[in-house]
Amino acid sequence: MKTMAGTELERGTGAPLPEAQNQSAPVDAHGRPHPTRIHLDQFGVRYGAFQAVEKVHLHVPAGLITAFMGPSGCGKSTILRSINRMNDTIPEARFQGQLYIDDQAVYAPGVNVMRLRKRVGMVFQKPNPFPASVFENVAWGPRMHGLYRGRRLHDHVERCLARAGLWEEVKDKLRQDALNLSLGQQ
């Protein structure tokens, strides 16, 4: 998981982590504390009436590999999606508690979500297209970064799909919902 470096999500925004909460950070073999990169404090996620995750307290140390392991449906993906606020796209999602990255509250008012998502990446075990057209799924990143517009954006989408070996298969399906593609195409 890629996380943010530095101590801000957006200059001047995000509530600082209270000092008392940072006392239980993990330690190395010599008893020295590892700096905490991600901290969840009594964090929970609810989808409507369903409580997906409840009262999670977790320190993820900086610079170490961390694995989330557990049975299907236990909340691993929900926590991961919460770290870069991908759950914001689910209207019935509600959050409790606090989630910090580099001592900055991820859910504080004024956090620049686009900047957060540029810094906190995710890799999924299976394809996870946005509920949008094939074209919009490919164009989203370059458009959000201001790289291409108009015809140049269309040409870029075509090049990307050609490089992936998909252009011939999807060139007539660019306006169709990407979720309707086969699993291999997604």
N, C-alpha and C. Protein backbone atom coordinates (compact mmCIF):
# COMPACT_ATOMS: atom_id res chain seq x y z
N MET A 1 0.84 -1.16 0.00
CA MET A 1 0.00 0.00 0.00
C MET A 1 0.89 1.23 0.00
N LYS A 2 0.66 2.15 -0.91
CA LYS A 2 1.41 3.40 -0.96
C LYS A 2 0.72 4.39 -0.05
N THR A 3 1.47 5.07 0.80
CA THR A 3 0.88 6.07 1.68
C THR A 3 1.58 7.39 1.51
N MET A 4 1.04 8.39 2.13
CA MET A 4 1.56 9.74 1.99
C MET A 4 2.85 9.93 2.76
N ALA A 5 3.75 10.71 2.20
CA ALA A 5 4.94 11.15 2.92
C ALA A 5 4.64 12.54 3.45
N GLY A 6 5.37 12.98 4.44
CA GLY A 6 5.13 14.30 4.99
C GLY A 6 4.05 14.25 6.04
N THR A 7 3.59 15.43 6.46
CA THR A 7 2.62 15.48 7.55
C THR A 7 1.37 16.24 7.20
N GLU A 8 0.99 16.33 5.92
CA GLU A 8 -0.22 17.05 5.60
C GLU A 8 -0.98 16.37 4.47
N LEU A 9 -2.28 16.44 4.55
CA LEU A 9 -3.11 15.99 3.44
C LEU A 9 -3.35 17.18 2.52
N GLU A 10 -3.47 18.32 3.08
CA GLU A 10 -3.66 19.55 2.35
C GLU A 10 -3.26 20.64 3.33
N ARG A 11 -2.38 21.53 2.95
CA ARG A 11 -1.86 22.54 3.87
C ARG A 11 -3.00 23.24 4.60
N GLY A 12 -2.89 23.25 5.91
CA GLY A 12 -3.86 23.97 6.72
C GLY A 12 -5.15 23.21 7.01
N THR A 13 -5.24 21.96 6.60
CA THR A 13 -6.46 21.21 6.87
C THR A 13 -6.12 19.92 7.59
N GLY A 14 -7.11 19.32 8.16
CA GLY A 14 -6.90 18.05 8.86
C GLY A 14 -6.55 18.30 10.31
N ALA A 15 -7.31 17.71 11.21
CA ALA A 15 -7.05 17.88 12.63
C ALA A 15 -5.84 17.04 13.03
N PRO A 16 -4.93 17.61 13.83
CA PRO A 16 -3.77 16.83 14.25
C PRO A 16 -4.15 15.69 15.18
N LEU A 17 -3.36 14.64 15.15
CA LEU A 17 -3.56 13.50 16.02
C LEU A 17 -3.25 13.91 17.45
N PRO A 18 -4.17 13.70 18.39
CA PRO A 18 -3.88 14.04 19.78
C PRO A 18 -2.67 13.25 20.29
N GLU A 19 -1.79 13.92 21.01
CA GLU A 19 -0.56 13.29 21.49
C GLU A 19 -0.82 12.01 22.29
N ALA A 20 -1.85 12.02 23.12
CA ALA A 20 -2.13 10.84 23.95
C ALA A 20 -2.46 9.62 23.09
N GLN A 21 -3.02 9.83 21.91
CA GLN A 21 -3.40 8.70 21.07
C GLN A 21 -2.19 8.05 20.41
N ASN A 22 -1.08 8.73 20.33
CA ASN A 22 0.09 8.23 19.61
C ASN A 22 1.03 7.43 20.52
N GLN A 23 0.63 7.17 21.75
CA GLN A 23 1.50 6.51 22.72
C GLN A 23 1.66 5.01 22.47
N SER A 24 0.70 4.36 21.81
CA SER A 24 0.77 2.92 21.65
C SER A 24 1.30 2.49 20.29
N ALA A 25 2.15 3.31 19.70
CA ALA A 25 2.72 2.98 18.39
C ALA A 25 3.57 1.72 18.52
N PRO A 26 3.65 0.91 17.44
CA PRO A 26 4.45 -0.32 17.48
C PRO A 26 5.93 -0.02 17.70
N VAL A 27 6.64 -1.00 18.27
CA VAL A 27 8.08 -0.84 18.53
C VAL A 27 8.85 -1.89 17.75
N ASP A 28 10.14 -1.61 17.49
CA ASP A 28 10.98 -2.57 16.78
C ASP A 28 11.60 -3.55 17.78
N ALA A 29 12.49 -4.40 17.32
CA ALA A 29 13.10 -5.44 18.16
C ALA A 29 13.93 -4.84 19.30
N HIS A 30 14.32 -3.58 19.17
CA HIS A 30 15.12 -2.92 20.20
C HIS A 30 14.28 -2.02 21.09
N GLY A 31 12.95 -2.10 20.94
CA GLY A 31 12.08 -1.30 21.78
C GLY A 31 11.88 0.13 21.32
N ARG A 32 12.46 0.49 20.18
CA ARG A 32 12.30 1.85 19.66
C ARG A 32 10.98 1.93 18.90
N PRO A 33 10.23 3.00 19.11
CA PRO A 33 8.95 3.11 18.41
C PRO A 33 9.13 3.35 16.91
N HIS A 34 8.32 2.65 16.13
CA HIS A 34 8.23 2.94 14.70
C HIS A 34 7.29 4.12 14.55
N PRO A 35 7.61 5.06 13.71
CA PRO A 35 6.63 6.14 13.48
C PRO A 35 5.37 5.55 12.85
N THR A 36 4.23 6.03 13.28
CA THR A 36 2.96 5.56 12.76
C THR A 36 2.64 6.33 11.48
N ARG A 37 2.33 5.61 10.41
CA ARG A 37 1.94 6.24 9.15
C ARG A 37 0.42 6.37 9.09
N ILE A 38 -0.29 5.30 9.44
CA ILE A 38 -1.75 5.30 9.41
C ILE A 38 -2.24 4.87 10.79
N HIS A 39 -3.21 5.60 11.30
CA HIS A 39 -3.74 5.30 12.63
C HIS A 39 -5.26 5.36 12.58
N LEU A 40 -5.90 4.30 13.03
CA LEU A 40 -7.35 4.26 13.16
C LEU A 40 -7.67 4.24 14.65
N ASP A 41 -8.56 5.13 15.06
CA ASP A 41 -8.93 5.25 16.47
C ASP A 41 -10.44 5.10 16.60
N GLN A 42 -10.86 3.93 17.11
CA GLN A 42 -12.29 3.63 17.27
C GLN A 42 -13.04 3.87 15.96
N PHE A 43 -12.42 3.46 14.85
CA PHE A 43 -12.95 3.73 13.52
C PHE A 43 -13.99 2.69 13.13
N GLY A 44 -15.08 3.14 12.57
CA GLY A 44 -16.13 2.24 12.12
C GLY A 44 -16.74 2.72 10.82
N VAL A 45 -17.32 1.79 10.08
CA VAL A 45 -17.99 2.10 8.82
C VAL A 45 -19.33 1.39 8.81
N ARG A 46 -20.35 2.12 8.41
CA ARG A 46 -21.71 1.61 8.32
C ARG A 46 -22.22 1.89 6.92
N TYR A 47 -22.87 0.89 6.31
CA TYR A 47 -23.57 1.06 5.04
C TYR A 47 -25.05 0.95 5.33
N GLY A 48 -25.71 2.08 5.46
CA GLY A 48 -27.11 2.06 5.88
C GLY A 48 -27.22 1.45 7.26
N ALA A 49 -28.03 0.40 7.41
CA ALA A 49 -28.21 -0.26 8.71
C ALA A 49 -27.12 -1.29 9.01
N PHE A 50 -26.30 -1.63 8.00
CA PHE A 50 -25.28 -2.67 8.17
C PHE A 50 -23.98 -2.08 8.71
N GLN A 51 -23.55 -2.55 9.88
CA GLN A 51 -22.27 -2.12 10.47
C GLN A 51 -21.18 -3.01 9.90
N ALA A 52 -20.40 -2.50 8.94
CA ALA A 52 -19.36 -3.30 8.27
C ALA A 52 -18.11 -3.44 9.12
N VAL A 53 -17.73 -2.38 9.80
CA VAL A 53 -16.53 -2.35 10.64
C VAL A 53 -16.87 -1.55 11.88
N GLU A 54 -16.42 -2.03 13.04
CA GLU A 54 -16.79 -1.37 14.28
C GLU A 54 -15.60 -1.22 15.22
N LYS A 55 -15.36 -0.01 15.68
CA LYS A 55 -14.39 0.31 16.73
C LYS A 55 -13.00 -0.28 16.49
N VAL A 56 -12.45 -0.05 15.31
CA VAL A 56 -11.11 -0.55 14.99
C VAL A 56 -10.08 0.43 15.54
N HIS A 57 -9.11 -0.10 16.26
CA HIS A 57 -7.98 0.68 16.74
C HIS A 57 -6.73 0.03 16.15
N LEU A 58 -6.01 0.77 15.31
CA LEU A 58 -4.90 0.18 14.56
C LEU A 58 -3.81 1.20 14.30
N HIS A 59 -2.57 0.79 14.46
CA HIS A 59 -1.40 1.59 14.06
C HIS A 59 -0.71 0.84 12.93
N VAL A 60 -0.52 1.50 11.80
CA VAL A 60 0.25 0.93 10.69
C VAL A 60 1.57 1.68 10.66
N PRO A 61 2.68 0.99 10.94
CA PRO A 61 3.97 1.67 11.00
C PRO A 61 4.47 2.09 9.62
N ALA A 62 5.21 3.18 9.61
CA ALA A 62 5.82 3.67 8.38
C ALA A 62 6.97 2.75 7.98
N GLY A 63 7.09 2.49 6.69
CA GLY A 63 8.24 1.77 6.17
C GLY A 63 8.22 0.27 6.36
N LEU A 64 7.15 -0.29 6.85
CA LEU A 64 7.07 -1.73 7.04
C LEU A 64 5.93 -2.30 6.20
N ILE A 65 6.06 -3.53 5.80
CA ILE A 65 4.98 -4.20 5.08
C ILE A 65 3.93 -4.62 6.09
N THR A 66 2.69 -4.32 5.76
CA THR A 66 1.58 -4.65 6.64
C THR A 66 0.55 -5.43 5.84
N ALA A 67 0.06 -6.52 6.39
CA ALA A 67 -0.96 -7.34 5.72
C ALA A 67 -2.24 -7.31 6.53
N PHE A 68 -3.36 -7.17 5.83
CA PHE A 68 -4.67 -7.31 6.45
C PHE A 68 -5.16 -8.69 6.06
N MET A 69 -5.35 -9.55 7.05
CA MET A 69 -5.76 -10.93 6.79
C MET A 69 -7.02 -11.24 7.58
N GLY A 70 -7.88 -12.03 6.97
CA GLY A 70 -9.10 -12.43 7.65
C GLY A 70 -10.06 -13.06 6.68
N PRO A 71 -11.14 -13.62 7.20
CA PRO A 71 -12.11 -14.29 6.32
C PRO A 71 -12.86 -13.28 5.46
N SER A 72 -13.46 -13.78 4.42
CA SER A 72 -14.28 -12.96 3.54
C SER A 72 -15.36 -12.26 4.34
N GLY A 73 -15.54 -10.97 4.07
CA GLY A 73 -16.62 -10.23 4.72
C GLY A 73 -16.27 -9.65 6.08
N CYS A 74 -15.00 -9.73 6.50
CA CYS A 74 -14.67 -9.24 7.84
C CYS A 74 -14.33 -7.75 7.88
N GLY A 75 -14.24 -7.09 6.71
CA GLY A 75 -14.01 -5.65 6.70
C GLY A 75 -12.66 -5.20 6.19
N LYS A 76 -11.83 -6.11 5.69
CA LYS A 76 -10.49 -5.73 5.20
C LYS A 76 -10.58 -4.68 4.10
N SER A 77 -11.36 -4.96 3.09
CA SER A 77 -11.48 -4.03 1.96
C SER A 77 -12.17 -2.73 2.37
N THR A 78 -13.11 -2.81 3.29
CA THR A 78 -13.79 -1.61 3.77
C THR A 78 -12.78 -0.67 4.43
N ILE A 79 -11.90 -1.21 5.25
CA ILE A 79 -10.86 -0.39 5.89
C ILE A 79 -9.93 0.20 4.82
N LEU A 80 -9.48 -0.62 3.89
CA LEU A 80 -8.58 -0.12 2.85
C LEU A 80 -9.23 0.98 2.02
N ARG A 81 -10.50 0.80 1.65
CA ARG A 81 -11.20 1.84 0.88
C ARG A 81 -11.39 3.10 1.71
N SER A 82 -11.48 2.96 3.01
CA SER A 82 -11.65 4.12 3.88
C SER A 82 -10.39 4.98 3.93
N ILE A 83 -9.23 4.36 3.81
CA ILE A 83 -7.98 5.10 3.93
C ILE A 83 -7.83 6.15 2.84
N ASN A 84 -8.28 5.85 1.62
CA ASN A 84 -8.22 6.89 0.59
C ASN A 84 -9.61 7.41 0.22
N ARG A 85 -10.56 7.18 1.09
CA ARG A 85 -11.92 7.71 1.00
C ARG A 85 -12.67 7.26 -0.24
N MET A 86 -12.37 6.07 -0.73
CA MET A 86 -13.15 5.54 -1.85
C MET A 86 -14.58 5.24 -1.43
N ASN A 87 -14.82 5.04 -0.14
CA ASN A 87 -16.18 4.80 0.34
C ASN A 87 -17.05 6.05 0.21
N ASP A 88 -16.43 7.21 -0.03
CA ASP A 88 -17.21 8.43 -0.25
C ASP A 88 -18.14 8.30 -1.44
N THR A 89 -17.82 7.41 -2.36
CA THR A 89 -18.65 7.25 -3.56
C THR A 89 -19.90 6.41 -3.28
N ILE A 90 -20.02 5.87 -2.08
CA ILE A 90 -21.18 5.06 -1.70
C ILE A 90 -22.08 5.94 -0.83
N PRO A 91 -23.25 6.37 -1.36
CA PRO A 91 -24.07 7.36 -0.65
C PRO A 91 -24.46 6.96 0.76
N GLU A 92 -24.71 5.67 1.02
CA GLU A 92 -25.17 5.27 2.36
C GLU A 92 -24.03 4.99 3.34
N ALA A 93 -22.78 5.18 2.93
CA ALA A 93 -21.64 4.94 3.82
C ALA A 93 -21.55 6.04 4.88
N ARG A 94 -21.36 5.63 6.12
CA ARG A 94 -21.19 6.54 7.25
C ARG A 94 -19.99 6.09 8.06
N PHE A 95 -19.31 7.04 8.70
CA PHE A 95 -18.07 6.75 9.40
C PHE A 95 -18.16 7.21 10.84
N GLN A 96 -17.49 6.45 11.73
CA GLN A 96 -17.39 6.83 13.13
C GLN A 96 -15.91 6.78 13.50
N GLY A 97 -15.54 7.50 14.54
CA GLY A 97 -14.16 7.48 15.00
C GLY A 97 -13.26 8.32 14.11
N GLN A 98 -11.96 8.04 14.19
CA GLN A 98 -10.98 8.84 13.45
C GLN A 98 -10.04 7.95 12.65
N LEU A 99 -9.58 8.47 11.53
CA LEU A 99 -8.59 7.82 10.69
C LEU A 99 -7.56 8.88 10.32
N TYR A 100 -6.30 8.63 10.64
CA TYR A 100 -5.23 9.60 10.42
C TYR A 100 -4.17 9.03 9.48
N ILE A 101 -3.62 9.88 8.65
CA ILE A 101 -2.42 9.55 7.87
C ILE A 101 -1.40 10.62 8.20
N ASP A 102 -0.25 10.18 8.67
CA ASP A 102 0.79 11.12 9.09
C ASP A 102 0.23 12.20 10.01
N ASP A 103 -0.52 11.76 11.00
CA ASP A 103 -1.08 12.62 12.04
C ASP A 103 -2.12 13.62 11.55
N GLN A 104 -2.64 13.45 10.34
CA GLN A 104 -3.68 14.34 9.82
C GLN A 104 -4.97 13.55 9.63
N ALA A 105 -6.08 14.09 10.10
CA ALA A 105 -7.37 13.42 10.02
C ALA A 105 -7.84 13.36 8.57
N VAL A 106 -8.04 12.17 8.07
CA VAL A 106 -8.45 11.95 6.68
C VAL A 106 -9.86 12.47 6.43
N TYR A 107 -10.74 12.40 7.43
CA TYR A 107 -12.13 12.81 7.26
C TYR A 107 -12.42 14.20 7.80
N ALA A 108 -11.40 14.99 8.04
CA ALA A 108 -11.59 16.36 8.51
C ALA A 108 -12.20 17.21 7.40
N PRO A 109 -13.00 18.21 7.76
CA PRO A 109 -13.54 19.11 6.74
C PRO A 109 -12.40 19.78 5.97
N GLY A 110 -12.59 19.93 4.68
CA GLY A 110 -11.61 20.64 3.87
C GLY A 110 -10.48 19.79 3.31
N VAL A 111 -10.44 18.49 3.65
CA VAL A 111 -9.38 17.63 3.10
C VAL A 111 -9.60 17.52 1.59
N ASN A 112 -8.55 17.73 0.83
CA ASN A 112 -8.61 17.63 -0.62
C ASN A 112 -8.55 16.14 -0.98
N VAL A 113 -9.71 15.58 -1.29
CA VAL A 113 -9.83 14.14 -1.53
C VAL A 113 -9.04 13.73 -2.77
N MET A 114 -9.03 14.55 -3.80
CA MET A 114 -8.27 14.21 -5.01
C MET A 114 -6.77 14.13 -4.69
N ARG A 115 -6.29 15.05 -3.90
CA ARG A 115 -4.88 15.03 -3.51
C ARG A 115 -4.58 13.80 -2.65
N LEU A 116 -5.49 13.48 -1.75
CA LEU A 116 -5.34 12.28 -0.92
C LEU A 116 -5.24 11.04 -1.80
N ARG A 117 -6.14 10.90 -2.77
CA ARG A 117 -6.15 9.71 -3.62
C ARG A 117 -4.94 9.64 -4.55
N LYS A 118 -4.36 10.77 -4.87
CA LYS A 118 -3.11 10.74 -5.65
C LYS A 118 -1.98 10.15 -4.82
N ARG A 119 -2.04 10.36 -3.51
CA ARG A 119 -0.96 9.92 -2.63
C ARG A 119 -1.19 8.55 -2.02
N VAL A 120 -2.44 8.12 -1.90
CA VAL A 120 -2.77 6.83 -1.29
C VAL A 120 -3.35 5.94 -2.38
N GLY A 121 -2.52 5.08 -2.95
CA GLY A 121 -2.97 4.23 -4.04
C GLY A 121 -3.48 2.90 -3.53
N MET A 122 -4.21 2.21 -4.39
CA MET A 122 -4.73 0.89 -4.06
C MET A 122 -4.53 -0.03 -5.25
N VAL A 123 -4.24 -1.28 -4.97
CA VAL A 123 -4.17 -2.32 -5.98
C VAL A 123 -5.17 -3.39 -5.57
N PHE A 124 -6.09 -3.73 -6.46
CA PHE A 124 -7.14 -4.67 -6.14
C PHE A 124 -6.78 -6.06 -6.63
N GLN A 125 -7.29 -7.08 -5.96
CA GLN A 125 -7.02 -8.46 -6.35
C GLN A 125 -7.81 -8.87 -7.57
N LYS A 126 -8.86 -8.14 -7.88
CA LYS A 126 -9.63 -8.40 -9.09
C LYS A 126 -10.01 -7.05 -9.69
N PRO A 127 -10.38 -7.01 -10.97
CA PRO A 127 -10.73 -5.73 -11.59
C PRO A 127 -11.84 -5.03 -10.82
N ASN A 128 -11.74 -3.72 -10.76
CA ASN A 128 -12.70 -2.94 -10.01
C ASN A 128 -13.03 -1.66 -10.78
N PRO A 129 -13.70 -1.78 -11.94
CA PRO A 129 -14.00 -0.58 -12.72
C PRO A 129 -15.01 0.31 -12.00
N PHE A 130 -14.94 1.60 -12.32
CA PHE A 130 -15.94 2.53 -11.83
C PHE A 130 -17.27 2.24 -12.52
N PRO A 131 -18.39 2.54 -11.88
CA PRO A 131 -19.69 2.35 -12.54
C PRO A 131 -19.89 3.47 -13.57
N ALA A 132 -19.15 3.39 -14.65
CA ALA A 132 -19.17 4.38 -15.73
C ALA A 132 -18.81 3.67 -17.03
N SER A 133 -18.79 4.41 -18.11
CA SER A 133 -18.49 3.81 -19.41
C SER A 133 -17.04 3.34 -19.48
N VAL A 134 -16.78 2.50 -20.47
CA VAL A 134 -15.41 2.04 -20.72
C VAL A 134 -14.51 3.26 -20.94
N PHE A 135 -14.95 4.18 -21.78
CA PHE A 135 -14.16 5.38 -22.07
C PHE A 135 -13.86 6.15 -20.79
N GLU A 136 -14.88 6.39 -19.96
CA GLU A 136 -14.69 7.18 -18.73
C GLU A 136 -13.75 6.48 -17.75
N ASN A 137 -13.77 5.17 -17.69
CA ASN A 137 -12.85 4.44 -16.81
C ASN A 137 -11.41 4.66 -17.22
N VAL A 138 -11.13 4.69 -18.51
CA VAL A 138 -9.76 4.89 -18.97
C VAL A 138 -9.39 6.36 -18.92
N ALA A 139 -10.33 7.25 -19.20
CA ALA A 139 -10.05 8.69 -19.29
C ALA A 139 -9.99 9.37 -17.92
N TRP A 140 -10.52 8.74 -16.89
CA TRP A 140 -10.66 9.39 -15.60
C TRP A 140 -9.32 9.93 -15.06
N GLY A 141 -8.31 9.09 -14.99
CA GLY A 141 -7.03 9.52 -14.43
C GLY A 141 -6.40 10.67 -15.20
N PRO A 142 -6.18 10.51 -16.51
CA PRO A 142 -5.59 11.62 -17.28
C PRO A 142 -6.41 12.90 -17.21
N ARG A 143 -7.74 12.78 -17.20
CA ARG A 143 -8.58 13.98 -17.12
C ARG A 143 -8.42 14.65 -15.76
N MET A 144 -8.43 13.87 -14.69
CA MET A 144 -8.31 14.45 -13.34
C MET A 144 -6.96 15.11 -13.11
N HIS A 145 -5.94 14.63 -13.79
CA HIS A 145 -4.61 15.22 -13.67
C HIS A 145 -4.39 16.34 -14.68
N GLY A 146 -5.41 16.63 -15.50
CA GLY A 146 -5.31 17.71 -16.47
C GLY A 146 -4.35 17.42 -17.61
N LEU A 147 -4.13 16.15 -17.94
CA LEU A 147 -3.15 15.80 -18.97
C LEU A 147 -3.69 15.95 -20.38
N TYR A 148 -4.96 15.59 -20.59
CA TYR A 148 -5.53 15.61 -21.93
C TYR A 148 -6.97 16.09 -21.89
N ARG A 149 -7.40 16.67 -23.03
CA ARG A 149 -8.80 17.06 -23.22
C ARG A 149 -9.17 16.82 -24.67
N GLY A 150 -10.46 16.73 -24.91
CA GLY A 150 -10.97 16.65 -26.27
C GLY A 150 -10.39 15.50 -27.07
N ARG A 151 -9.97 15.80 -28.28
CA ARG A 151 -9.46 14.77 -29.20
C ARG A 151 -8.21 14.10 -28.64
N ARG A 152 -7.34 14.87 -27.98
CA ARG A 152 -6.12 14.28 -27.41
C ARG A 152 -6.47 13.25 -26.34
N LEU A 153 -7.52 13.52 -25.57
CA LEU A 153 -7.95 12.55 -24.56
C LEU A 153 -8.47 11.29 -25.24
N HIS A 154 -9.27 11.44 -26.26
CA HIS A 154 -9.79 10.28 -26.99
C HIS A 154 -8.64 9.46 -27.58
N ASP A 155 -7.65 10.13 -28.17
CA ASP A 155 -6.50 9.43 -28.73
C ASP A 155 -5.72 8.68 -27.65
N HIS A 156 -5.61 9.31 -26.48
CA HIS A 156 -4.89 8.67 -25.37
C HIS A 156 -5.64 7.41 -24.91
N VAL A 157 -6.95 7.50 -24.78
CA VAL A 157 -7.76 6.34 -24.39
C VAL A 157 -7.55 5.22 -25.41
N GLU A 158 -7.58 5.55 -26.69
CA GLU A 158 -7.37 4.53 -27.73
C GLU A 158 -5.99 3.89 -27.60
N ARG A 159 -4.96 4.71 -27.39
CA ARG A 159 -3.60 4.16 -27.22
C ARG A 159 -3.52 3.22 -26.02
N CYS A 160 -4.12 3.62 -24.92
CA CYS A 160 -4.08 2.78 -23.71
C CYS A 160 -4.78 1.45 -23.93
N LEU A 161 -5.94 1.50 -24.55
CA LEU A 161 -6.67 0.26 -24.82
C LEU A 161 -5.92 -0.61 -25.82
N ALA A 162 -5.26 0.00 -26.80
CA ALA A 162 -4.47 -0.77 -27.77
C ALA A 162 -3.29 -1.44 -27.08
N ARG A 163 -2.62 -0.70 -26.19
CA ARG A 163 -1.48 -1.29 -25.45
C ARG A 163 -1.91 -2.46 -24.59
N ALA A 164 -3.13 -2.40 -24.09
CA ALA A 164 -3.65 -3.49 -23.26
C ALA A 164 -4.22 -4.62 -24.12
N GLY A 165 -4.18 -4.45 -25.44
CA GLY A 165 -4.70 -5.48 -26.34
C GLY A 165 -6.21 -5.54 -26.36
N LEU A 166 -6.87 -4.42 -26.02
CA LEU A 166 -8.33 -4.41 -25.92
C LEU A 166 -9.03 -3.56 -26.97
N TRP A 167 -8.30 -2.73 -27.69
CA TRP A 167 -8.94 -1.78 -28.59
C TRP A 167 -9.90 -2.45 -29.56
N GLU A 168 -9.45 -3.49 -30.22
CA GLU A 168 -10.31 -4.16 -31.22
C GLU A 168 -11.56 -4.75 -30.57
N GLU A 169 -11.44 -5.20 -29.32
CA GLU A 169 -12.59 -5.81 -28.63
C GLU A 169 -13.60 -4.79 -28.13
N VAL A 170 -13.13 -3.59 -27.76
CA VAL A 170 -14.03 -2.64 -27.09
C VAL A 170 -14.27 -1.35 -27.86
N LYS A 171 -13.65 -1.18 -29.03
CA LYS A 171 -13.76 0.11 -29.73
C LYS A 171 -15.21 0.49 -30.04
N ASP A 172 -16.10 -0.47 -30.17
CA ASP A 172 -17.51 -0.19 -30.42
C ASP A 172 -18.33 -0.20 -29.13
N LYS A 173 -17.65 -0.33 -27.99
CA LYS A 173 -18.34 -0.41 -26.69
C LYS A 173 -17.89 0.70 -25.74
N LEU A 174 -17.24 1.73 -26.26
CA LEU A 174 -16.67 2.75 -25.40
C LEU A 174 -17.69 3.47 -24.53
N ARG A 175 -18.93 3.58 -24.98
CA ARG A 175 -19.97 4.27 -24.22
C ARG A 175 -20.78 3.31 -23.34
N GLN A 176 -20.48 2.03 -23.41
CA GLN A 176 -21.19 1.05 -22.57
C GLN A 176 -20.58 1.02 -21.18
N ASP A 177 -21.36 0.58 -20.21
CA ASP A 177 -20.91 0.46 -18.83
C ASP A 177 -19.75 -0.53 -18.75
N ALA A 178 -18.65 -0.11 -18.15
CA ALA A 178 -17.47 -0.98 -18.03
C ALA A 178 -17.77 -2.23 -17.20
N LEU A 179 -18.76 -2.17 -16.33
CA LEU A 179 -19.12 -3.33 -15.53
C LEU A 179 -19.71 -4.45 -16.39
N ASN A 180 -20.13 -4.12 -17.62
CA ASN A 180 -20.69 -5.13 -18.51
C ASN A 180 -19.61 -5.87 -19.31
N LEU A 181 -18.37 -5.43 -19.25
CA LEU A 181 -17.28 -6.13 -19.92
C LEU A 181 -17.03 -7.46 -19.24
N SER A 182 -16.42 -8.38 -19.97
CA SER A 182 -16.06 -9.66 -19.35
C SER A 182 -15.02 -9.41 -18.27
N LEU A 183 -14.87 -10.34 -17.36
CA LEU A 183 -13.89 -10.19 -16.29
C LEU A 183 -12.49 -9.99 -16.85
N GLY A 184 -12.15 -10.71 -17.90
CA GLY A 184 -10.84 -10.56 -18.53
C GLY A 184 -10.64 -9.18 -19.13
N GLN A 185 -11.67 -8.62 -19.72
CA GLN A 185 -11.57 -7.29 -20.31
C GLN A 185 -11.49 -6.21 -19.23
N GLN A 186 -12.19 -6.43 -18.13
CA GLN A 186 -12.13 -5.44 -17.04
C GLN A 186 -10.72 -5.33 -16.52
